[in-house]
Structure formats: C-alpha cells, structure tokens
Amino acid sequence: MGKLFAGVVFTLLLAGASVMFLYNNLNAPASPNRTLVIVEIKSGMGTAQIAAMLVDKKVIRSKMAFVALAKLGGMGARLKAGEYEIDSSNTASTILARLVEGKSVLHQVTVPEGFSVVQVAQLMASKGFSNQQSIIKAAEDKALLSTFGIQAGSAEGYLLPETYRFRKDVTAEEIVRTMLGLFTSKVRPFVDKYQAGSAIGFHGILTLASIIEKEAAGPDEFTTISAVFHNRLKINMPLQADPTVIYAIPKFDGDIRKKDLGIDSPYNTYRYRGLPPGPIANPGLRAIEAAYAPKDVGYLYFVAMGSEKKHYFSSTLQEHNKAVRRYQLGIVSRAHSANDLAG
C-alpha cells in the first residue's frame, strides 16, 4: 500500500514538474535581448490571428502556446485592438496582460497657433489620426459642443493649439473632445481674471483673439494689435482685417486682391463693422490674453514693414499714409484702410 501511494505521489510530482517545465518553456521570452517591436492589432482579429502575427514579428515563441495561455487565463476575448510597442524579452504572459490592459502606443502631434478647424483636421489626418471629414464633422457636432458650453455652430476658435498624444485608432470625437477639454481648463483662468471687466462677451474675445493671432507678426505684437482693434471697435470704425476676408473666400489661393475686399460676407470686416460672427482660427493662450488686455496706446492703424516682418503703428491717418508710402513703395498693401487700398 505504501509503495502504491509513493508511486502515485511520484507520478503526480513528475506530471506537475512536466507541466511547469512545459509552461515555463512556452511562456519564456522569444529573445534574451530587449528589442522593441511595434505591432498593430486590428479590430476583429481573433486570438489565433494575433498569435500568428506575434510569432511573425518574433516577439513570442509559439502560436499554440500563446493561444493556450490566453484560454487558460480567460483572456482570449479581452485582447484589445490598438498599436503596441512590445518587448521581445517579455514573457508571453506579460505580453498577454499588456494586450488585455490596452495601453496602446501614443503618437505626438503639435497643433500650431492660428490653424483653422479645417487645417487641424488636415494635420490630424496626415498623422494617421481618423480622417479629415470625420474630424470636421465632430467639430460641428452641436451635442458635443454643448457639453462644453459652446453655443456656436463650430468648434472654430475652441480647439486649443498645443502638443497632444493620441493612439492611432483614436476617433474623431475623441480628438475634438480632448482638445475642447484642454481648452476649457487652460482658458478658465483668463475668464476668471478678465471676463467680468470686459465689454465683449467670451465668444467675441475669442473671435478677436483669432484675428490678433493671424494679423500679428509675432507674440510681441499681440497686445498692440489688440489695442488697434479695441480702439476701432470703440469708435465703430471697420476692423478692415485681411484674415477675416481670407476666411470668407472658399478657395483662397494665397493672394488677396482688391476685388476680394468687396465680397458679401459677415466675415468681411471691410464691408461690415464690428466683429465677425465668430473666430477665424484657433488662437493660442497669449493671443486670448491679449484680446482681454490690450496695450494702453491710441493706435488706429498698422502697416507691414516689408522685410522687417513686423508692423509700424500709427494714431492718425496722415501718419499712417506716410508709413504706407515708406514701407510699401506704392504697392497695394495690407494697410487696413480703404484710402490706402485706393492708392
């Protein structure tokens, strides 16, 4: 009886040792050396397909072992689609856990100040995030906009220029929601600090900030450009900002012409006084603060100083016209005055 019992125990121990050996062997890393490999698991792929791909990428040893480990651990149906950076020195069970956790690789994209919604959508699509039309559609989703308290028909002006990190399989809605969320948190301090003392509603401030962003030669001009437009608004003088006209032209070819200044659009600030209906681009934080806090100067005009890539500011039309003759050499310029554009 004792010999039989000892035989059974020995057999069980041998079987257990065999199972452990097999498990350790099949679970062992594909390589002793650390090599990072990017793998993409697409939606709808089954465990066997995933395992075959991982074998092909040389990050696991055995397709059969990976499938068996997934089934034994109840993880077969929990593997998430996405793009992953897999370490070939990890065990198969570690890789399985990573795919269940779903922590995909994040890719960086920087949205520059002054990009429009269309340009943001083009940039995101060029980086492989969703597609242009889906992003534009999400940016015009009234239900989504309302969750952030935005009553406008578009997220134009509300997509904060910043560096973002997204998964390659990110949806258009997730992109817009992330950008709006960051905008809300970053702009809130300015609203709390300045809005109560502003004569312009927040949407108006954002509209003005977008014009400042597009007009200024650089951030050092923001508060002065802001002062010019605030001063014009106070005396009901047309803003006459070329970027607003450009925004109204469906297929702008890069060259604004005198005839364009007559286009019948509420965004044509040569034809219509006051601010246009909404932002013409997505301004950065410095432009937004400048729209709230203009420099204390009496300027009403500014003209580009040619190769110096900045503007000359004037308080009177006479001074301004002299600057136009000096810096524009008789060429029709972005002089911000109907008189200047006439000659």
Protein backbone atom coordinates (compact mmCIF):
# COMPACT_ATOMS: atom_id res chain seq x y z
CA MET A 1 0.00 0.00 0.00
CA GLY A 2 2.84 2.31 0.93
CA LYS A 3 4.65 1.58 -2.32
CA LEU A 4 1.47 2.28 -4.33
CA PHE A 5 0.94 5.61 -2.55
CA ALA A 6 4.55 6.57 -3.10
CA GLY A 7 4.21 5.66 -6.79
CA VAL A 8 1.11 7.84 -7.16
CA VAL A 9 2.82 10.77 -5.43
CA PHE A 10 5.89 10.36 -7.61
CA THR A 11 3.74 10.24 -10.76
CA LEU A 12 1.85 13.39 -9.72
CA LEU A 13 5.07 15.21 -8.91
CA LEU A 14 6.53 14.17 -12.23
CA ALA A 15 3.41 15.30 -14.06
CA GLY A 16 3.43 18.60 -12.16
CA ALA A 17 7.09 19.11 -12.94
CA SER A 18 6.43 18.34 -16.60
CA VAL A 19 3.57 20.85 -16.72
CA MET A 20 5.72 23.51 -15.03
CA PHE A 21 8.60 22.80 -17.42
CA LEU A 22 6.26 22.99 -20.40
CA TYR A 23 4.66 26.20 -19.09
CA ASN A 24 7.98 27.86 -18.39
CA ASN A 25 9.32 26.81 -21.77
CA LEU A 26 6.29 28.03 -23.72
CA ASN A 27 5.98 31.19 -21.63
CA ALA A 28 9.65 32.03 -21.99
CA PRO A 29 10.66 35.23 -23.85
CA ALA A 30 11.27 34.97 -27.56
CA SER A 31 14.66 36.55 -27.05
CA PRO A 32 17.01 37.15 -24.11
CA ASN A 33 17.79 40.57 -25.57
CA ARG A 34 15.47 43.58 -25.28
CA THR A 35 14.10 44.51 -28.71
CA LEU A 36 11.10 46.83 -29.05
CA VAL A 37 8.73 45.94 -31.85
CA ILE A 38 5.63 47.87 -32.96
CA VAL A 39 2.62 45.63 -33.61
CA GLU A 40 -0.87 46.67 -34.64
CA ILE A 41 -3.85 44.61 -33.54
CA LYS A 42 -6.82 45.49 -35.68
CA SER A 43 -10.42 45.34 -34.56
CA GLY A 44 -11.95 41.91 -35.17
CA MET A 45 -8.71 39.93 -35.02
CA GLY A 46 -9.02 36.64 -33.12
CA THR A 47 -6.51 35.23 -30.63
CA ALA A 48 -5.03 32.84 -33.20
CA GLN A 49 -4.55 35.66 -35.72
CA ILE A 50 -2.91 37.82 -33.08
CA ALA A 51 -0.65 34.96 -32.00
CA ALA A 52 0.38 34.27 -35.60
CA MET A 53 1.28 37.94 -36.08
CA LEU A 54 3.31 38.00 -32.86
CA VAL A 55 5.24 34.91 -33.96
CA ASP A 56 5.87 36.56 -37.33
CA LYS A 57 7.16 39.67 -35.52
CA LYS A 58 9.38 37.39 -33.38
CA VAL A 59 8.01 38.61 -30.06
CA ILE A 60 6.62 35.23 -28.90
CA ARG A 61 7.90 31.71 -29.42
CA SER A 62 4.77 29.70 -30.10
CA LYS A 63 1.38 30.50 -31.55
CA MET A 64 -0.15 27.40 -29.89
CA ALA A 65 1.32 28.30 -26.50
CA PHE A 66 0.05 31.89 -26.69
CA VAL A 67 -3.47 30.73 -27.59
CA ALA A 68 -3.40 28.14 -24.80
CA LEU A 69 -2.23 30.69 -22.24
CA ALA A 70 -4.96 33.11 -23.36
CA LYS A 71 -7.66 30.45 -23.00
CA LEU A 72 -6.40 29.15 -19.65
CA GLY A 73 -6.34 32.69 -18.30
CA GLY A 74 -9.75 33.59 -19.74
CA MET A 75 -8.15 36.41 -21.73
CA GLY A 76 -8.94 35.32 -25.28
CA ALA A 77 -11.93 37.65 -25.68
CA ARG A 78 -10.33 40.53 -23.79
CA LEU A 79 -7.43 41.37 -26.10
CA LYS A 80 -7.85 44.98 -27.25
CA ALA A 81 -7.24 46.43 -30.68
CA GLY A 82 -4.55 49.06 -30.93
CA GLU A 83 -0.92 49.77 -31.69
CA TYR A 84 1.55 48.39 -29.15
CA GLU A 85 5.26 48.58 -28.50
CA ILE A 86 6.17 45.02 -27.47
CA ASP A 87 9.43 44.00 -25.80
CA SER A 88 10.66 40.67 -27.20
CA SER A 89 12.39 39.91 -23.87
CA ASN A 90 8.99 39.84 -22.11
CA THR A 91 7.25 36.54 -21.37
CA ALA A 92 4.18 35.53 -23.34
CA SER A 93 2.00 36.02 -20.24
CA THR A 94 3.37 39.56 -19.78
CA ILE A 95 2.58 40.37 -23.40
CA LEU A 96 -0.91 38.92 -22.96
CA ALA A 97 -1.50 41.13 -19.92
CA ARG A 98 -0.34 44.16 -21.92
CA LEU A 99 -2.84 43.46 -24.70
CA VAL A 100 -5.65 42.99 -22.18
CA GLU A 101 -4.73 46.26 -20.46
CA GLY A 102 -4.95 48.01 -23.82
CA LYS A 103 -2.24 50.61 -23.32
CA SER A 104 -1.57 51.49 -26.94
CA VAL A 105 1.36 53.49 -28.24
CA LEU A 106 0.69 57.24 -28.15
CA HIS A 107 1.84 59.40 -31.05
CA GLN A 108 2.64 63.08 -30.65
CA VAL A 109 1.17 65.85 -32.78
CA THR A 110 1.59 69.61 -32.33
CA VAL A 111 -1.21 71.93 -33.44
CA PRO A 112 0.23 75.39 -34.27
CA GLU A 113 -1.42 78.64 -33.17
CA GLY A 114 -3.68 80.11 -35.84
CA PHE A 115 -4.74 76.87 -37.51
CA SER A 116 -8.39 76.71 -38.57
CA VAL A 117 -10.61 73.69 -37.90
CA VAL A 118 -10.01 72.54 -41.48
CA GLN A 119 -6.24 72.82 -41.04
CA VAL A 120 -6.40 70.97 -37.71
CA ALA A 121 -8.39 68.19 -39.40
CA GLN A 122 -5.89 68.03 -42.26
CA LEU A 123 -2.97 67.84 -39.83
CA MET A 124 -4.55 65.08 -37.74
CA ALA A 125 -5.43 63.04 -40.83
CA SER A 126 -1.87 63.45 -42.19
CA LYS A 127 -0.56 61.93 -38.94
CA GLY A 128 -2.89 58.95 -39.30
CA PHE A 129 -5.50 60.06 -36.74
CA SER A 130 -9.04 59.44 -38.05
CA ASN A 131 -9.81 61.33 -41.29
CA GLN A 132 -10.34 64.95 -42.21
CA GLN A 133 -14.10 64.92 -42.84
CA SER A 134 -14.88 62.96 -39.66
CA ILE A 135 -12.91 65.46 -37.56
CA ILE A 136 -14.64 68.44 -39.20
CA LYS A 137 -18.00 66.75 -38.60
CA ALA A 138 -17.14 66.14 -34.93
CA ALA A 139 -16.10 69.80 -34.60
CA GLU A 140 -19.59 70.77 -35.81
CA ASP A 141 -21.45 68.32 -33.57
CA LYS A 142 -23.79 70.56 -31.57
CA ALA A 143 -24.39 67.91 -28.91
CA LEU A 144 -20.65 67.56 -28.34
CA LEU A 145 -20.12 71.33 -28.33
CA SER A 146 -22.94 71.88 -25.85
CA THR A 147 -21.26 69.58 -23.31
CA PHE A 148 -18.53 72.23 -23.12
CA GLY A 149 -21.00 75.12 -23.03
CA ILE A 150 -20.23 76.16 -26.62
CA GLN A 151 -23.28 77.58 -28.36
CA ALA A 152 -21.54 78.25 -31.70
CA GLY A 153 -22.12 76.08 -34.74
CA SER A 154 -18.48 75.01 -34.85
CA ALA A 155 -15.50 74.45 -32.58
CA GLU A 156 -13.60 77.08 -34.59
CA GLY A 157 -11.56 79.04 -32.06
CA TYR A 158 -12.06 76.46 -29.29
CA LEU A 159 -9.52 73.84 -30.39
CA LEU A 160 -6.53 74.79 -28.31
CA PRO A 161 -3.17 74.84 -30.14
CA GLU A 162 -0.99 72.51 -28.11
CA THR A 163 1.02 69.27 -28.30
CA TYR A 164 -1.22 66.22 -27.99
CA ARG A 165 -0.59 62.47 -27.77
CA PHE A 166 -3.14 60.13 -29.36
CA ARG A 167 -3.48 56.44 -30.18
CA LYS A 168 -3.51 55.70 -33.90
CA ASP A 169 -7.04 54.28 -33.55
CA VAL A 170 -8.38 57.40 -31.81
CA THR A 171 -11.81 58.50 -33.03
CA ALA A 172 -12.62 61.93 -34.43
CA GLU A 173 -14.88 62.61 -31.46
CA GLU A 174 -12.10 61.72 -29.02
CA ILE A 175 -9.74 64.15 -30.77
CA VAL A 176 -12.19 67.04 -30.62
CA ARG A 177 -13.29 66.21 -27.08
CA THR A 178 -9.68 66.11 -25.87
CA MET A 179 -8.88 69.46 -27.49
CA LEU A 180 -12.01 71.12 -26.14
CA GLY A 181 -11.32 69.73 -22.67
CA LEU A 182 -7.81 71.17 -22.63
CA PHE A 183 -9.11 74.49 -23.96
CA THR A 184 -11.66 74.70 -21.16
CA SER A 185 -9.10 74.06 -18.42
CA LYS A 186 -6.39 76.32 -19.85
CA VAL A 187 -8.62 79.31 -20.67
CA ARG A 188 -10.62 79.26 -17.44
CA PRO A 189 -8.02 81.36 -15.52
CA PHE A 190 -8.27 84.14 -18.13
CA VAL A 191 -12.06 84.11 -17.97
CA ASP A 192 -11.99 84.33 -14.18
CA LYS A 193 -9.43 87.14 -14.27
CA TYR A 194 -10.71 89.33 -17.09
CA GLN A 195 -14.23 88.50 -18.26
CA ALA A 196 -16.15 90.50 -15.65
CA GLY A 197 -14.38 93.69 -16.73
CA SER A 198 -14.66 93.04 -20.47
CA ALA A 199 -17.08 94.88 -22.70
CA ILE A 200 -17.06 91.93 -25.10
CA GLY A 201 -18.59 88.52 -24.43
CA PHE A 202 -16.29 85.49 -24.33
CA HIS A 203 -17.14 84.40 -27.89
CA GLY A 204 -16.27 87.93 -29.02
CA ILE A 205 -12.98 87.82 -27.13
CA LEU A 206 -12.13 84.53 -28.80
CA THR A 207 -13.08 86.00 -32.20
CA LEU A 208 -10.83 89.00 -31.60
CA ALA A 209 -8.02 86.74 -30.36
CA SER A 210 -8.17 84.73 -33.58
CA ILE A 211 -7.79 87.91 -35.65
CA ILE A 212 -4.88 89.06 -33.47
CA GLU A 213 -3.23 85.67 -33.92
CA LYS A 214 -3.48 85.91 -37.70
CA GLU A 215 -2.54 89.60 -38.01
CA ALA A 216 0.44 89.89 -35.65
CA ALA A 217 3.99 89.34 -36.87
CA GLY A 218 4.72 87.63 -33.54
CA PRO A 219 3.60 87.41 -29.90
CA ASP A 220 5.40 90.65 -29.04
CA GLU A 221 2.84 92.50 -31.18
CA PHE A 222 -0.27 90.83 -29.72
CA THR A 223 -1.22 93.50 -27.17
CA THR A 224 -0.55 96.36 -29.61
CA ILE A 225 -2.59 94.76 -32.40
CA SER A 226 -5.29 94.14 -29.80
CA ALA A 227 -5.24 97.84 -28.89
CA VAL A 228 -5.77 98.87 -32.53
CA PHE A 229 -8.85 96.69 -32.88
CA HIS A 230 -10.26 97.63 -29.47
CA ASN A 231 -9.82 101.30 -30.37
CA ARG A 232 -11.59 100.79 -33.70
CA LEU A 233 -14.46 98.93 -32.06
CA LYS A 234 -14.94 101.79 -29.58
CA ILE A 235 -15.45 104.36 -32.35
CA ASN A 236 -17.36 101.97 -34.64
CA MET A 237 -14.56 102.02 -37.20
CA PRO A 238 -14.34 98.98 -39.52
CA LEU A 239 -11.70 96.50 -38.40
CA GLN A 240 -10.56 96.02 -42.01
CA ALA A 241 -8.64 92.86 -41.22
CA ASP A 242 -7.50 90.90 -44.25
CA PRO A 243 -7.51 87.50 -42.48
CA THR A 244 -11.28 87.77 -41.95
CA VAL A 245 -11.75 88.32 -45.69
CA ILE A 246 -9.49 85.39 -46.47
CA TYR A 247 -11.59 83.22 -44.14
CA ALA A 248 -14.65 84.13 -46.19
CA ILE A 249 -13.08 83.11 -49.52
CA PRO A 250 -13.97 79.44 -50.23
CA LYS A 251 -10.79 78.58 -52.12
CA PHE A 252 -8.20 81.15 -51.21
CA ASP A 253 -5.14 80.90 -53.48
CA GLY A 254 -2.75 82.78 -51.20
CA ASP A 255 -3.10 86.18 -52.85
CA ILE A 256 -5.75 88.63 -51.61
CA ARG A 257 -6.95 91.04 -54.29
CA LYS A 258 -8.72 94.38 -54.14
CA LYS A 259 -11.91 92.80 -55.54
CA ASP A 260 -11.92 90.33 -52.62
CA LEU A 261 -12.47 93.22 -50.21
CA GLY A 262 -15.97 93.65 -51.64
CA ILE A 263 -17.11 90.08 -51.01
CA ASP A 264 -20.54 90.00 -49.36
CA SER A 265 -19.86 88.03 -46.18
CA PRO A 266 -20.35 88.86 -42.50
CA TYR A 267 -16.67 87.91 -42.16
CA ASN A 268 -15.69 90.77 -44.49
CA THR A 269 -14.63 93.37 -41.94
CA TYR A 270 -14.05 95.92 -44.72
CA ARG A 271 -17.74 95.79 -45.59
CA TYR A 272 -19.29 95.10 -42.18
CA ARG A 273 -18.44 96.93 -38.98
CA GLY A 274 -17.78 95.24 -35.66
CA LEU A 275 -16.54 91.73 -35.04
CA PRO A 276 -17.33 88.91 -37.49
CA PRO A 277 -19.77 86.18 -36.33
CA GLY A 278 -17.05 84.00 -34.82
CA PRO A 279 -13.37 83.08 -34.72
CA ILE A 280 -11.48 82.67 -37.98
CA ALA A 281 -8.86 80.34 -36.46
CA ASN A 282 -7.82 78.74 -33.21
CA PRO A 283 -5.78 81.26 -31.20
CA GLY A 284 -3.16 80.42 -28.60
CA LEU A 285 -3.31 81.44 -24.95
CA ARG A 286 -1.14 84.56 -25.44
CA ALA A 287 -3.47 85.90 -28.13
CA ILE A 288 -6.50 85.24 -25.93
CA GLU A 289 -4.98 87.12 -23.02
CA ALA A 290 -4.01 89.97 -25.36
CA ALA A 291 -7.62 90.21 -26.55
CA TYR A 292 -8.64 90.68 -22.92
CA ALA A 293 -5.79 93.03 -22.01
CA PRO A 294 -4.75 95.33 -24.89
CA LYS A 295 -1.82 97.68 -24.59
CA ASP A 296 -2.74 101.19 -23.42
CA VAL A 297 -1.99 103.04 -26.66
CA GLY A 298 -4.05 105.17 -29.05
CA TYR A 299 -3.10 103.46 -32.30
CA LEU A 300 -5.73 103.02 -35.01
CA TYR A 301 -3.58 101.82 -37.90
CA PHE A 302 -0.71 99.49 -38.69
CA VAL A 303 1.17 98.53 -41.82
CA ALA A 304 3.63 95.74 -42.57
CA MET A 305 7.25 96.90 -42.64
CA GLY A 306 8.31 94.67 -45.51
CA SER A 307 11.43 92.63 -44.88
CA GLU A 308 11.49 93.52 -41.17
CA LYS A 309 8.49 91.22 -40.69
CA LYS A 310 6.76 93.44 -38.18
CA HIS A 311 4.32 96.35 -38.23
CA TYR A 312 4.53 100.10 -37.97
CA PHE A 313 1.74 101.56 -35.81
CA SER A 314 0.11 104.97 -36.20
CA SER A 315 -2.53 107.01 -34.38
CA THR A 316 -3.57 109.22 -37.31
CA LEU A 317 -4.43 108.51 -40.92
CA GLN A 318 -1.89 111.09 -42.10
CA GLU A 319 0.93 109.36 -40.21
CA HIS A 320 -0.29 106.01 -41.41
CA ASN A 321 -0.37 107.01 -45.08
CA LYS A 322 3.18 108.28 -44.76
CA ALA A 323 4.21 104.89 -43.32
CA VAL A 324 2.45 103.10 -46.16
CA ARG A 325 4.40 105.12 -48.74
CA ARG A 326 7.62 104.46 -46.86
CA TYR A 327 7.25 100.73 -46.31
CA GLN A 328 5.08 99.55 -49.17
CA LEU A 329 6.74 101.51 -52.01
CA GLY A 330 3.47 102.18 -53.78
CA ILE A 331 2.42 98.53 -53.81
CA VAL A 332 -1.18 97.77 -52.80
CA SER A 333 -0.70 96.65 -49.23
CA ARG A 334 -2.32 95.24 -46.18
CA ALA A 335 -2.74 98.81 -44.94
CA HIS A 336 -6.03 98.39 -43.09
CA SER A 337 -7.61 101.48 -44.61
CA ALA A 338 -9.85 101.88 -47.63
CA ASN A 339 -7.93 105.06 -48.51
CA ASP A 340 -4.63 103.16 -48.55
CA LEU A 341 -6.04 100.44 -50.75
CA ALA A 342 -7.19 103.10 -53.22
CA GLY A 343 -3.61 104.22 -53.76
